[in-house]
Protein backbone atom coordinates (compact mmCIF):
# COMPACT_ATOMS: atom_id res chain seq x y z
CA MET A 1 -3.21 12.15 21.53
CA SER A 2 -1.47 9.46 23.56
CA PHE A 3 2.22 8.58 23.31
CA ARG A 4 1.51 5.26 21.61
CA GLU A 5 -0.69 6.89 18.99
CA LYS A 6 2.05 9.46 18.31
CA SER A 7 4.53 6.60 18.07
CA ALA A 8 2.31 4.81 15.56
CA TRP A 9 2.04 8.01 13.48
CA ILE A 10 5.82 8.49 13.55
CA SER A 11 6.45 4.90 12.50
CA PHE A 12 3.80 5.06 9.77
CA ILE A 13 5.14 8.27 8.21
CA CYS A 14 8.77 7.14 8.45
CA LEU A 15 7.89 3.80 6.88
CA LEU A 16 5.95 5.52 4.10
CA LEU A 17 9.00 7.70 3.39
CA LEU A 18 11.22 4.59 3.40
CA VAL A 19 9.02 2.72 0.93
CA LEU A 20 8.62 5.70 -1.40
CA THR A 21 12.31 6.62 -1.34
CA PHE A 22 13.58 3.10 -1.86
CA PHE A 23 11.20 1.89 -4.54
CA VAL A 24 11.26 5.18 -6.47
CA GLY A 25 15.07 4.96 -6.34
CA LEU A 26 14.91 1.40 -7.66
CA HIS A 27 12.62 2.49 -10.46
CA HIS A 28 14.97 5.24 -11.62
CA HIS A 29 18.09 3.03 -11.51
CA PRO A 30 16.89 -0.50 -12.34
CA GLN A 31 20.18 -2.05 -13.53
CA ASN A 32 22.69 -0.76 -10.97
CA ALA A 33 23.05 -3.61 -8.42
CA GLN A 34 25.75 -1.94 -6.33
CA GLY A 35 23.68 1.23 -6.24
CA HIS A 36 20.74 -0.78 -4.88
CA LEU A 37 22.85 -1.88 -1.92
CA TYR A 38 23.97 1.67 -1.14
CA LEU A 39 20.44 2.96 -1.61
CA ALA A 40 19.05 0.30 0.74
CA LEU A 41 21.68 0.98 3.40
CA GLY A 42 21.19 4.74 3.16
CA VAL A 43 17.41 4.53 3.33
CA VAL A 44 17.44 2.12 6.29
CA LEU A 45 20.01 4.24 8.14
CA GLY A 46 17.92 7.35 7.51
CA PHE A 47 14.80 5.51 8.66
CA VAL A 48 16.42 4.44 11.92
CA LEU A 49 17.85 7.88 12.65
CA LEU A 50 14.57 9.63 11.86
CA GLN A 51 12.66 7.21 14.09
CA ILE A 52 15.09 7.75 16.98
CA VAL A 53 15.08 11.54 16.70
CA LEU A 54 11.29 11.83 16.43
CA HIS A 55 10.68 9.40 19.30
CA VAL A 56 13.16 11.26 21.51
CA ILE A 57 11.29 14.50 20.77
CA VAL A 58 7.93 12.93 21.63
CA VAL A 59 9.32 11.38 24.83
CA ALA A 60 10.80 14.73 25.84
CA GLN A 61 7.38 16.36 25.45
CA SER A 62 5.63 13.93 27.76
CA PRO A 63 8.05 11.64 29.63
CA LYS A 64 5.43 10.46 32.12
CA ASP A 65 3.07 9.29 29.36
CA ALA A 66 5.91 7.41 27.63
CA ARG A 67 6.75 5.43 30.78
CA THR A 68 3.23 4.24 31.57
CA PRO A 69 2.65 0.55 30.89
CA LYS A 70 0.17 -0.50 28.22
CA ASP A 71 -3.36 -0.88 29.44
CA GLU A 72 -5.81 -3.50 28.20
CA ARG A 73 -7.23 -1.24 25.48
CA GLU A 74 -3.79 -0.51 24.02
CA ARG A 75 -2.88 -4.19 24.04
CA LEU A 76 -6.10 -5.06 22.22
CA ILE A 77 -5.48 -2.32 19.65
CA GLU A 78 -1.99 -3.68 19.04
CA LEU A 79 -3.31 -7.23 18.67
CA ARG A 80 -6.06 -6.21 16.23
CA GLY A 81 -3.57 -4.21 14.20
CA ALA A 82 -1.21 -7.18 14.09
CA ARG A 83 -4.02 -9.47 12.95
CA ILE A 84 -5.03 -7.14 10.13
CA GLY A 85 -1.40 -6.69 9.13
CA PHE A 86 -0.82 -10.45 9.13
CA TYR A 87 -3.73 -11.08 6.77
CA SER A 88 -2.45 -8.41 4.40
CA LEU A 89 1.03 -9.98 4.59
CA VAL A 90 -0.35 -13.39 3.62
CA VAL A 91 -2.19 -11.86 0.66
CA GLY A 92 0.90 -9.92 -0.41
CA GLU A 93 3.19 -12.94 -0.18
CA ALA A 94 0.74 -15.14 -2.08
CA THR A 95 0.47 -12.45 -4.76
CA ALA A 96 4.27 -12.22 -4.99
CA MET A 97 4.60 -15.98 -5.37
CA GLY A 98 1.81 -16.06 -7.95
CA ALA A 99 3.49 -13.32 -9.94
CA PHE A 100 6.76 -15.22 -9.80
CA HIS A 101 5.13 -18.39 -11.08
CA ALA A 102 3.37 -16.46 -13.83
CA HIS A 103 6.44 -14.57 -15.05
CA GLY A 104 9.36 -16.67 -13.78
CA ARG A 105 11.48 -13.63 -12.95
CA VAL A 106 13.51 -13.91 -9.75
CA ASP A 107 14.02 -10.14 -9.48
CA LEU A 108 10.23 -9.70 -9.40
CA LEU A 109 10.03 -12.06 -6.43
CA MET A 110 13.08 -10.53 -4.76
CA TRP A 111 11.58 -7.02 -4.68
CA SER A 112 7.90 -7.88 -4.27
CA ILE A 113 8.38 -9.83 -1.03
CA PRO A 114 10.04 -6.94 0.87
CA LEU A 115 7.41 -4.63 -0.58
CA ALA A 116 4.66 -6.93 0.72
CA ILE A 117 6.30 -6.96 4.16
CA LEU A 118 6.59 -3.17 4.27
CA VAL A 119 3.02 -2.65 3.05
CA ALA A 120 1.72 -5.11 5.65
CA TRP A 121 3.63 -3.21 8.34
CA MET A 122 2.08 0.03 7.11
CA ILE A 123 -1.38 -1.54 7.17
CA LYS A 124 -0.75 -2.71 10.75
CA LEU A 125 0.29 0.78 11.84
CA GLY A 126 -2.54 2.41 9.92
CA SER A 127 -5.11 0.14 11.52
CA GLU A 128 -3.66 0.92 14.95
CA ILE A 129 -4.00 4.65 14.22
CA VAL A 130 -7.62 4.17 13.14
CA LEU A 131 -8.38 2.08 16.23
CA TYR A 132 -6.80 4.69 18.51
CA ARG A 133 -8.90 7.39 16.84
CA ARG A 134 -12.11 5.36 17.20
CA GLY A 135 -11.49 4.94 20.90
């Protein structure tokens, strides 16, 4: 498994943990606005620290592989993943705006847009992992 595939796996799993932790925390404490801020800051800080630690471990295992520049195949995989993620982002944002117009609740829009962004990012990373596996 190449360094970039490992990096995509690390980012995907960390992002999945971020989404699950944050939105499950929001679900259990829906009315505490100050708690939402602390939850968001804690989850993002944990996400950043976990990403840094895991990437340092992977770089320490194979430093030469981490320093190699991207070849044409890796650039194409990244571009295809970004394209798939962008389409899912457009669908998610349109769904969020449609739900807002249907219900008229600002809090629904406020939390569904970040969720759409995070899900699109996960779809991008997941498609990159699949494309790396396919070869």
